[in-house]
């Protein structure tokens, strides 16, 4: 019986991404950048007032 142990994390030099083993598939480890605070415009303020 052969043991096909796969690494939990692998790195791909071609696209500079790390991949994590999920079941039988490697899924890229992606991190989203922090969202920037955006001011609410005039119509957004009016809609917010309407919702209140």
PDB file of N, CA and C in Angstrom:
ATOM      1  N   UNK A   1       0.852  -1.185   0.000  1.00  0.00           N
ATOM      2  CA  UNK A   1       0.000   0.000   0.000  1.00  0.00           C
ATOM      3  C   UNK A   1       0.891   1.241   0.000  1.00  0.00           C
ATOM      4  N   UNK A   2       0.634   2.143  -0.923  1.00  0.00           N
ATOM      5  CA  UNK A   2       1.439   3.358  -1.031  1.00  0.00           C
ATOM      6  C   UNK A   2       0.820   4.482  -0.205  1.00  0.00           C
ATOM      7  N   UNK A   3       1.677   5.319   0.363  1.00  0.00           N
ATOM      8  CA  UNK A   3       1.213   6.466   1.151  1.00  0.00           C
ATOM      9  C   UNK A   3       1.465   7.726   0.341  1.00  0.00           C
ATOM     10  N   UNK A   4       0.402   8.349  -0.111  1.00  0.00           N
ATOM     11  CA  UNK A   4       0.523   9.584  -0.897  1.00  0.00           C
ATOM     12  C   UNK A   4       0.280  10.774   0.014  1.00  0.00           C
ATOM     13  N   UNK A   5       1.187  11.026   0.940  1.00  0.00           N
ATOM     14  CA  UNK A   5       1.021  12.172   1.825  1.00  0.00           C
ATOM     15  C   UNK A   5       1.366  13.446   1.055  1.00  0.00           C
ATOM     16  N   UNK A   6       0.461  14.397   1.135  1.00  0.00           N
ATOM     17  CA  UNK A   6       0.643  15.659   0.425  1.00  0.00           C
ATOM     18  C   UNK A   6       0.942  16.742   1.449  1.00  0.00           C
ATOM     19  N   UNK A   7       1.774  17.698   1.061  1.00  0.00           N
ATOM     20  CA  UNK A   7       2.105  18.804   1.952  1.00  0.00           C
ATOM     21  C   UNK A   7       0.861  19.650   2.195  1.00  0.00           C
ATOM     22  N   UNK A   8       0.730  20.161   3.426  1.00  0.00           N
ATOM     23  CA  UNK A   8      -0.408  21.013   3.778  1.00  0.00           C
ATOM     24  C   UNK A   8      -0.340  22.345   3.027  1.00  0.00           C
ATOM     25  N   UNK A   9       0.862  22.908   2.855  1.00  0.00           N
ATOM     26  CA  UNK A   9       1.057  24.172   2.146  1.00  0.00           C
ATOM     27  C   UNK A   9       2.121  23.980   1.082  1.00  0.00           C
ATOM     28  N   UNK A  10       1.896  24.582  -0.080  1.00  0.00           N
ATOM     29  CA  UNK A  10       2.912  24.583  -1.133  1.00  0.00           C
ATOM     30  C   UNK A  10       3.029  26.002  -1.671  1.00  0.00           C
ATOM     31  N   UNK A  11       4.177  26.309  -2.254  1.00  0.00           N
ATOM     32  CA  UNK A  11       4.433  27.633  -2.810  1.00  0.00           C
ATOM     33  C   UNK A  11       4.711  27.494  -4.300  1.00  0.00           C
ATOM     34  N   UNK A  12       4.080  28.370  -5.105  1.00  0.00           N
ATOM     35  CA  UNK A  12       4.265  28.354  -6.556  1.00  0.00           C
ATOM     36  C   UNK A  12       5.106  29.568  -6.948  1.00  0.00           C
ATOM     37  N   UNK A  13       6.297  29.298  -7.482  1.00  0.00           N
ATOM     38  CA  UNK A  13       7.203  30.379  -7.882  1.00  0.00           C
ATOM     39  C   UNK A  13       6.685  31.160  -9.081  1.00  0.00           C
ATOM     40  N   UNK A  14       5.861  30.542  -9.909  1.00  0.00           N
ATOM     41  CA  UNK A  14       5.388  31.196 -11.133  1.00  0.00           C
ATOM     42  C   UNK A  14       4.486  32.386 -10.832  1.00  0.00           C
ATOM     43  N   UNK A  15       3.631  32.260  -9.815  1.00  0.00           N
ATOM     44  CA  UNK A  15       2.706  33.352  -9.510  1.00  0.00           C
ATOM     45  C   UNK A  15       2.862  33.902  -8.091  1.00  0.00           C
ATOM     46  N   UNK A  16       3.890  33.457  -7.367  1.00  0.00           N
ATOM     47  CA  UNK A  16       4.178  33.938  -6.001  1.00  0.00           C
ATOM     48  C   UNK A  16       3.001  33.764  -5.045  1.00  0.00           C
ATOM     49  N   UNK A  17       2.314  32.633  -5.127  1.00  0.00           N
ATOM     50  CA  UNK A  17       1.189  32.363  -4.232  1.00  0.00           C
ATOM     51  C   UNK A  17       1.439  31.107  -3.420  1.00  0.00           C
ATOM     52  N   UNK A  18       0.911  31.119  -2.187  1.00  0.00           N
ATOM     53  CA  UNK A  18       0.896  29.926  -1.349  1.00  0.00           C
ATOM     54  C   UNK A  18      -0.447  29.238  -1.551  1.00  0.00           C
ATOM     55  N   UNK A  19      -0.443  27.915  -1.468  1.00  0.00           N
ATOM     56  CA  UNK A  19      -1.652  27.116  -1.598  1.00  0.00           C
ATOM     57  C   UNK A  19      -1.792  26.214  -0.383  1.00  0.00           C
ATOM     58  N   UNK A  20      -3.046  26.042   0.086  1.00  0.00           N
ATOM     59  CA  UNK A  20      -3.330  25.194   1.235  1.00  0.00           C
ATOM     60  C   UNK A  20      -4.159  24.006   0.780  1.00  0.00           C
ATOM     61  N   UNK A  21      -3.835  22.834   1.279  1.00  0.00           N
ATOM     62  CA  UNK A  21      -4.544  21.617   0.928  1.00  0.00           C
ATOM     63  C   UNK A  21      -5.884  21.573   1.648  1.00  0.00           C
ATOM     64  N   UNK A  22      -6.960  21.510   0.884  1.00  0.00           N
ATOM     65  CA  UNK A  22      -8.316  21.394   1.417  1.00  0.00           C
ATOM     66  C   UNK A  22      -8.933  20.140   0.802  1.00  0.00           C
ATOM     67  N   UNK A  23      -8.960  19.062   1.551  1.00  0.00           N
ATOM     68  CA  UNK A  23      -9.446  17.795   1.001  1.00  0.00           C
ATOM     69  C   UNK A  23      -8.444  17.274  -0.016  1.00  0.00           C
ATOM     70  N   UNK A  24      -8.876  17.170  -1.269  1.00  0.00           N
ATOM     71  CA  UNK A  24      -8.002  16.699  -2.351  1.00  0.00           C
ATOM     72  C   UNK A  24      -7.483  17.830  -3.221  1.00  0.00           C
ATOM     73  N   UNK A  25      -7.819  19.072  -2.906  1.00  0.00           N
ATOM     74  CA  UNK A  25      -7.492  20.200  -3.772  1.00  0.00           C
ATOM     75  C   UNK A  25      -6.634  21.223  -3.041  1.00  0.00           C
ATOM     76  N   UNK A  26      -5.790  21.898  -3.794  1.00  0.00           N
ATOM     77  CA  UNK A  26      -5.022  23.009  -3.252  1.00  0.00           C
ATOM     78  C   UNK A  26      -5.753  24.308  -3.585  1.00  0.00           C
ATOM     79  N   UNK A  27      -6.059  25.081  -2.563  1.00  0.00           N
ATOM     80  CA  UNK A  27      -6.772  26.350  -2.683  1.00  0.00           C
ATOM     81  C   UNK A  27      -5.776  27.466  -2.388  1.00  0.00           C
ATOM     82  N   UNK A  28      -5.755  28.549  -3.222  1.00  0.00           N
ATOM     83  CA  UNK A  28      -4.812  29.633  -2.947  1.00  0.00           C
ATOM     84  C   UNK A  28      -5.130  30.335  -1.623  1.00  0.00           C
ATOM     85  N   UNK A  29      -4.091  30.681  -0.891  1.00  0.00           N
ATOM     86  CA  UNK A  29      -4.231  31.423   0.367  1.00  0.00           C
ATOM     87  C   UNK A  29      -4.241  32.907   0.018  1.00  0.00           C
ATOM     88  N   UNK A  30      -5.413  33.490   0.000  1.00  0.00           N
ATOM     89  CA  UNK A  30      -5.559  34.894  -0.380  1.00  0.00           C
ATOM     90  C   UNK A  30      -6.009  35.703   0.819  1.00  0.00           C
ATOM     91  N   UNK A  31      -5.466  36.900   0.944  1.00  0.00           N
ATOM     92  CA  UNK A  31      -5.843  37.827   2.009  1.00  0.00           C
ATOM     93  C   UNK A  31      -6.322  39.112   1.350  1.00  0.00           C
ATOM     94  N   UNK A  32      -7.534  39.536   1.713  1.00  0.00           N
ATOM     95  CA  UNK A  32      -8.084  40.765   1.150  1.00  0.00           C
ATOM     96  C   UNK A  32      -7.486  41.978   1.855  1.00  0.00           C
ATOM     97  N   UNK A  33      -7.221  43.052   1.121  1.00  0.00           N
ATOM     98  CA  UNK A  33      -6.715  44.268   1.766  1.00  0.00           C
ATOM     99  C   UNK A  33      -7.812  44.902   2.628  1.00  0.00           C
ATOM    100  N   UNK A  34      -7.390  45.644   3.626  1.00  0.00           N
ATOM    101  CA  UNK A  34      -8.345  46.317   4.502  1.00  0.00           C
ATOM    102  C   UNK A  34      -9.150  47.331   3.701  1.00  0.00           C
ATOM    103  N   UNK A  35     -10.434  47.406   4.017  1.00  0.00           N
ATOM    104  CA  UNK A  35     -11.297  48.346   3.299  1.00  0.00           C
ATOM    105  C   UNK A  35     -11.035  49.768   3.784  1.00  0.00           C
ATOM    106  N   UNK A  36     -11.070  50.687   2.838  1.00  0.00           N
ATOM    107  CA  UNK A  36     -10.875  52.096   3.171  1.00  0.00           C
ATOM    108  C   UNK A  36     -12.222  52.705   3.551  1.00  0.00           C
ATOM    109  N   UNK A  37     -12.172  53.619   4.511  1.00  0.00           N
ATOM    110  CA  UNK A  37     -13.389  54.333   4.903  1.00  0.00           C
ATOM    111  C   UNK A  37     -13.773  55.294   3.781  1.00  0.00           C
ATOM    112  N   UNK A  38     -15.004  55.204   3.335  1.00  0.00           N
ATOM    113  CA  UNK A  38     -15.504  56.076   2.284  1.00  0.00           C
ATOM    114  C   UNK A  38     -16.604  56.959   2.869  1.00  0.00           C
ATOM    115  N   UNK A  39     -16.528  58.261   2.655  1.00  0.00           N
ATOM    116  CA  UNK A  39     -17.594  59.126   3.170  1.00  0.00           C
ATOM    117  C   UNK A  39     -18.902  58.855   2.429  1.00  0.00           C
ATOM    118  N   UNK A  40     -19.999  58.988   3.157  1.00  0.00           N
ATOM    119  CA  UNK A  40     -21.322  58.808   2.559  1.00  0.00           C
ATOM    120  C   UNK A  40     -21.703  60.111   1.872  1.00  0.00           C
ATOM    121  N   UNK A  41     -22.085  60.024   0.618  1.00  0.00           N
ATOM    122  CA  UNK A  41     -22.466  61.203  -0.150  1.00  0.00           C
ATOM    123  C   UNK A  41     -23.839  61.729   0.246  1.00  0.00           C
ATOM    124  N   UNK A  42     -24.271  62.740  -0.451  1.00  0.00           N
ATOM    125  CA  UNK A  42     -25.553  63.388  -0.160  1.00  0.00           C
ATOM    126  C   UNK A  42     -26.707  62.398  -0.253  1.00  0.00           C
ATOM    127  N   UNK A  43     -26.783  61.629  -1.340  1.00  0.00           N
ATOM    128  CA  UNK A  43     -27.890  60.705  -1.515  1.00  0.00           C
ATOM    129  C   UNK A  43     -27.801  59.541  -0.536  1.00  0.00           C
ATOM    130  N   UNK A  44     -26.599  59.148  -0.177  1.00  0.00           N
ATOM    131  CA  UNK A  44     -26.439  58.113   0.831  1.00  0.00           C
ATOM    132  C   UNK A  44     -26.928  58.584   2.192  1.00  0.00           C
ATOM    133  N   UNK A  45     -26.658  59.853   2.528  1.00  0.00           N
ATOM    134  CA  UNK A  45     -27.136  60.413   3.797  1.00  0.00           C
ATOM    135  C   UNK A  45     -28.656  60.494   3.813  1.00  0.00           C
ATOM    136  N   UNK A  46     -29.240  60.896   2.680  1.00  0.00           N
ATOM    137  CA  UNK A  46     -30.699  60.979   2.603  1.00  0.00           C
ATOM    138  C   UNK A  46     -31.340  59.587   2.725  1.00  0.00           C
ATOM    139  N   UNK A  47     -30.721  58.595   2.103  1.00  0.00           N
ATOM    140  CA  UNK A  47     -31.244  57.235   2.204  1.00  0.00           C
ATOM    141  C   UNK A  47     -31.131  56.716   3.643  1.00  0.00           C
ATOM    142  N   UNK A  48     -30.008  57.028   4.306  1.00  0.00           N
ATOM    143  CA  UNK A  48     -29.815  56.638   5.691  1.00  0.00           C
ATOM    144  C   UNK A  48     -30.882  57.278   6.581  1.00  0.00           C
ATOM    145  N   UNK A  49     -31.163  58.546   6.337  1.00  0.00           N
ATOM    146  CA  UNK A  49     -32.209  59.253   7.095  1.00  0.00           C
ATOM    147  C   UNK A  49     -33.568  58.622   6.854  1.00  0.00           C
ATOM    148  N   UNK A  50     -33.824  58.216   5.605  1.00  0.00           N
ATOM    149  CA  UNK A  50     -35.087  57.563   5.243  1.00  0.00           C
ATOM    150  C   UNK A  50     -35.227  56.230   5.981  1.00  0.00           C
ATOM    151  N   UNK A  51     -34.115  55.491   6.101  1.00  0.00           N
ATOM    152  CA  UNK A  51     -34.166  54.199   6.769  1.00  0.00           C
ATOM    153  C   UNK A  51     -34.407  54.335   8.269  1.00  0.00           C
ATOM    154  N   UNK A  52     -33.930  55.436   8.837  1.00  0.00           N
ATOM    155  CA  UNK A  52     -34.140  55.666  10.288  1.00  0.00           C
ATOM    156  C   UNK A  52     -35.575  56.023  10.533  1.00  0.00           C
TER     157      UNK A  52
END
